[in-house]
């Protein structure tokens, strides 16, 4: 994704995502940082260009569920301070990072544009010259890696820790991993978890 100022026409920032599939003995890394997984310096960006960062965080639920969970992508949110244009070029949308040996696919990347009028966010994968105005917000969500192995084989305690860390939402823990957690204490409901996991294994 690139934000291009109207005058002068210089590149403001670029975001890319490296797709990663773990090899079956550990979880995928969070926020990959290779040559094509670029996270620009916040200080350098805001000192030169007309936007401010409002969020830089792991993207929950982006890693594919599995015995070993896929690595998470990141979420970056900008607030536009001057008129500019948006270019987006995300790959692997129709074919997201696949899982291996029964693991599930990770989420694809996307860019959301939230206008000041409060309407539903606009979703972009590939586009150019989308006009942005001061006050608009742009949220870049990088894709996650695919999981390895059946998700119901992931130890329930590890799923619980993923929820506590904010890597996985309680809803995802229940639906994809078959782990039922108390909404307040995050304690595992052993009876319900056994039932849910039996359903997943039989599906």
Protein backbone atom coordinates (compact mmCIF):
# COMPACT_ATOMS: atom_id res chain seq x y z
CA UNK A 1 0.00 0.00 0.00
CA UNK A 2 1.27 3.45 -0.77
CA UNK A 3 -0.06 6.85 0.16
CA UNK A 4 0.89 9.47 -2.40
CA UNK A 5 0.64 13.17 -1.64
CA UNK A 6 -0.87 15.42 -4.31
CA UNK A 7 1.97 17.91 -4.15
CA UNK A 8 4.76 17.07 -4.26
CA UNK A 9 4.08 13.53 -5.60
CA UNK A 10 6.26 11.54 -3.20
CA UNK A 11 5.69 8.15 -1.62
CA UNK A 12 4.57 8.39 1.98
CA UNK A 13 4.74 4.81 3.17
CA UNK A 14 4.65 1.26 1.86
CA UNK A 15 3.42 -1.94 3.53
CA UNK A 16 4.08 -5.46 2.32
CA UNK A 17 3.37 -8.87 3.81
CA UNK A 18 5.45 -12.03 3.61
CA UNK A 19 3.29 -15.16 3.73
CA UNK A 20 4.65 -17.79 6.10
CA UNK A 21 3.66 -21.39 6.75
CA UNK A 22 5.14 -23.02 9.89
CA UNK A 23 6.86 -26.37 9.53
CA UNK A 24 5.04 -28.31 12.22
CA UNK A 25 7.11 -27.94 15.40
CA UNK A 26 6.34 -24.40 16.55
CA UNK A 27 3.88 -21.57 16.02
CA UNK A 28 4.56 -19.10 13.22
CA UNK A 29 6.32 -15.84 14.13
CA UNK A 30 4.29 -12.72 14.78
CA UNK A 31 4.91 -9.62 12.60
CA UNK A 32 7.48 -10.90 10.17
CA UNK A 33 10.30 -8.47 9.44
CA UNK A 34 12.08 -9.38 6.23
CA UNK A 35 12.99 -7.31 3.19
CA UNK A 36 9.45 -7.51 1.83
CA UNK A 37 7.71 -7.20 5.21
CA UNK A 38 8.34 -3.54 5.79
CA UNK A 39 7.37 -1.59 8.89
CA UNK A 40 8.59 1.94 8.42
CA UNK A 41 9.91 4.13 11.21
CA UNK A 42 6.97 5.90 12.82
CA UNK A 43 9.13 8.87 13.81
CA UNK A 44 10.47 9.31 10.30
CA UNK A 45 7.03 8.98 8.74
CA UNK A 46 5.12 11.45 10.88
CA UNK A 47 8.00 13.93 10.77
CA UNK A 48 7.79 14.18 6.98
CA UNK A 49 4.28 13.35 5.86
CA UNK A 50 0.71 14.51 6.61
CA UNK A 51 -0.68 11.65 8.66
CA UNK A 52 -0.36 10.25 12.16
CA UNK A 53 -0.28 6.69 13.43
CA UNK A 54 -3.17 5.66 15.65
CA UNK A 55 -2.42 1.95 16.00
CA UNK A 56 0.32 -0.59 15.33
CA UNK A 57 -0.64 -3.99 16.68
CA UNK A 58 -0.90 -7.70 16.00
CA UNK A 59 -3.97 -8.61 13.95
CA UNK A 60 -5.98 -11.02 16.09
CA UNK A 61 -7.35 -14.17 14.44
CA UNK A 62 -5.20 -13.64 11.33
CA UNK A 63 -3.10 -16.78 11.86
CA UNK A 64 -4.57 -20.02 10.51
CA UNK A 65 -5.80 -22.35 13.27
CA UNK A 66 -3.88 -25.58 13.69
CA UNK A 67 -2.00 -27.82 16.11
CA UNK A 68 0.66 -25.18 15.51
CA UNK A 69 -0.95 -21.80 14.87
CA UNK A 70 0.02 -19.70 11.88
CA UNK A 71 1.91 -16.47 12.60
CA UNK A 72 -0.12 -13.29 12.95
CA UNK A 73 -0.12 -10.37 10.57
CA UNK A 74 -0.12 -6.79 11.81
CA UNK A 75 -2.66 -3.98 11.86
CA UNK A 76 -1.65 -0.39 11.18
CA UNK A 77 -4.06 2.51 11.39
CA UNK A 78 -3.34 5.99 10.06
CA UNK A 79 -5.26 9.25 10.39
CA UNK A 80 -4.96 11.40 7.26
CA UNK A 81 -4.14 15.05 7.96
CA UNK A 82 -4.04 16.44 4.39
CA UNK A 83 -5.50 15.48 0.98
CA UNK A 84 -3.69 12.52 -0.60
CA UNK A 85 -4.31 9.41 -2.69
CA UNK A 86 -4.20 5.73 -1.84
CA UNK A 87 -2.64 2.89 -3.85
CA UNK A 88 -3.24 -0.71 -2.74
CA UNK A 89 -1.73 -3.92 -4.12
CA UNK A 90 -2.38 -7.02 -1.98
CA UNK A 91 -1.76 -10.49 -3.41
CA UNK A 92 -3.02 -13.93 -2.27
CA UNK A 93 -6.62 -12.75 -1.82
CA UNK A 94 -8.34 -15.56 -3.73
CA UNK A 95 -5.76 -18.09 -2.49
CA UNK A 96 -4.95 -17.19 1.13
CA UNK A 97 -1.96 -18.76 2.94
CA UNK A 98 -3.01 -22.39 3.12
CA UNK A 99 -2.75 -24.72 6.08
CA UNK A 100 -0.75 -27.96 6.07
CA UNK A 101 -1.70 -31.48 7.29
CA UNK A 102 -5.17 -30.45 8.40
CA UNK A 103 -4.31 -26.89 9.45
CA UNK A 104 -6.54 -24.03 8.34
CA UNK A 105 -5.67 -21.12 6.08
CA UNK A 106 -4.58 -17.76 7.45
CA UNK A 107 -6.48 -14.57 6.69
CA UNK A 108 -5.58 -12.55 3.61
CA UNK A 109 -4.46 -8.94 3.81
CA UNK A 110 -6.76 -6.00 3.19
CA UNK A 111 -6.96 -2.24 3.50
CA UNK A 112 -9.94 -0.51 5.09
CA UNK A 113 -10.80 3.14 4.56
CA UNK A 114 -13.03 4.73 7.21
CA UNK A 115 -14.57 8.00 6.10
CA UNK A 116 -15.63 10.77 8.45
CA UNK A 117 -19.28 10.29 7.49
CA UNK A 118 -19.37 7.11 9.55
CA UNK A 119 -20.51 4.84 6.72
CA UNK A 120 -19.35 1.23 6.44
CA UNK A 121 -15.58 0.92 5.82
CA UNK A 122 -14.47 0.62 2.22
CA UNK A 123 -12.39 -2.54 1.61
CA UNK A 124 -9.56 -2.53 -0.92
CA UNK A 125 -7.18 -5.21 -2.16
CA UNK A 126 -5.94 -3.76 -5.44
CA UNK A 127 -6.75 -0.22 -6.49
CA UNK A 128 -5.15 3.09 -7.31
CA UNK A 129 -5.75 6.80 -6.81
CA UNK A 130 -8.43 6.52 -4.12
CA UNK A 131 -8.88 10.08 -2.88
CA UNK A 132 -8.46 10.61 0.86
CA UNK A 133 -9.40 13.71 2.81
CA UNK A 134 -8.29 15.05 6.19
CA UNK A 135 -9.92 13.07 8.96
CA UNK A 136 -10.23 9.84 6.98
CA UNK A 137 -8.65 6.76 8.55
CA UNK A 138 -6.75 4.02 6.72
CA UNK A 139 -6.29 0.61 8.32
CA UNK A 140 -3.77 -1.81 6.80
CA UNK A 141 -4.30 -5.42 7.87
CA UNK A 142 -1.51 -7.79 6.82
CA UNK A 143 -2.27 -11.45 6.24
CA UNK A 144 -1.30 -14.27 8.59
CA UNK A 145 0.31 -17.66 8.01
CA UNK A 146 -1.41 -21.01 7.62
CA UNK A 147 -1.74 -23.46 10.49
CA UNK A 148 -0.13 -26.91 10.78
CA UNK A 149 -2.11 -29.92 11.92
CA UNK A 150 -5.75 -30.20 13.09
CA UNK A 151 -6.80 -27.27 15.25
CA UNK A 152 -8.55 -29.46 17.82
CA UNK A 153 -5.21 -31.08 18.63
CA UNK A 154 -3.75 -27.82 19.93
CA UNK A 155 -3.50 -28.07 23.72
CA UNK A 156 -6.39 -26.21 25.30
CA UNK A 157 -4.00 -24.39 27.63
CA UNK A 158 -2.12 -22.97 24.66
CA UNK A 159 -5.37 -21.78 23.11
CA UNK A 160 -6.28 -20.18 26.42
CA UNK A 161 -2.92 -18.40 26.49
CA UNK A 162 -3.44 -17.22 22.89
CA UNK A 163 -6.73 -15.65 24.01
CA UNK A 164 -5.12 -14.05 27.06
CA UNK A 165 -2.38 -12.57 24.85
CA UNK A 166 -4.93 -11.22 22.36
CA UNK A 167 -3.71 -13.43 19.49
CA UNK A 168 -7.03 -15.29 19.22
CA UNK A 169 -10.51 -14.07 20.16
CA UNK A 170 -12.73 -16.16 22.48
CA UNK A 171 -15.15 -16.67 19.57
CA UNK A 172 -12.39 -18.04 17.35
CA UNK A 173 -11.14 -20.25 20.18
CA UNK A 174 -14.56 -21.85 20.42
CA UNK A 175 -15.39 -22.11 16.71
CA UNK A 176 -12.00 -23.11 15.28
CA UNK A 177 -10.22 -24.78 18.20
CA UNK A 178 -13.17 -26.19 20.13
CA UNK A 179 -12.07 -24.54 23.38
CA UNK A 180 -14.79 -23.04 25.60
CA UNK A 181 -13.59 -20.31 27.96
CA UNK A 182 -15.26 -18.36 30.73
CA UNK A 183 -15.71 -14.81 29.44
CA UNK A 184 -14.44 -13.24 32.67
CA UNK A 185 -11.74 -15.55 33.99
CA UNK A 186 -10.72 -17.37 30.78
CA UNK A 187 -10.95 -20.63 32.70
CA UNK A 188 -11.44 -23.65 30.44
CA UNK A 189 -14.84 -25.36 30.52
CA UNK A 190 -13.55 -28.91 30.27
CA UNK A 191 -16.92 -30.55 29.61
CA UNK A 192 -17.91 -28.17 26.83
CA UNK A 193 -14.43 -28.25 25.34
CA UNK A 194 -14.53 -32.06 25.14
CA UNK A 195 -17.90 -31.89 23.38
CA UNK A 196 -16.81 -29.19 20.92
CA UNK A 197 -13.58 -30.96 20.04
CA UNK A 198 -15.38 -34.23 19.41
CA UNK A 199 -17.63 -32.40 16.97
CA UNK A 200 -14.66 -30.85 15.15
CA UNK A 201 -12.86 -34.19 14.91
CA UNK A 202 -15.97 -35.89 13.52
CA UNK A 203 -16.74 -33.21 10.92
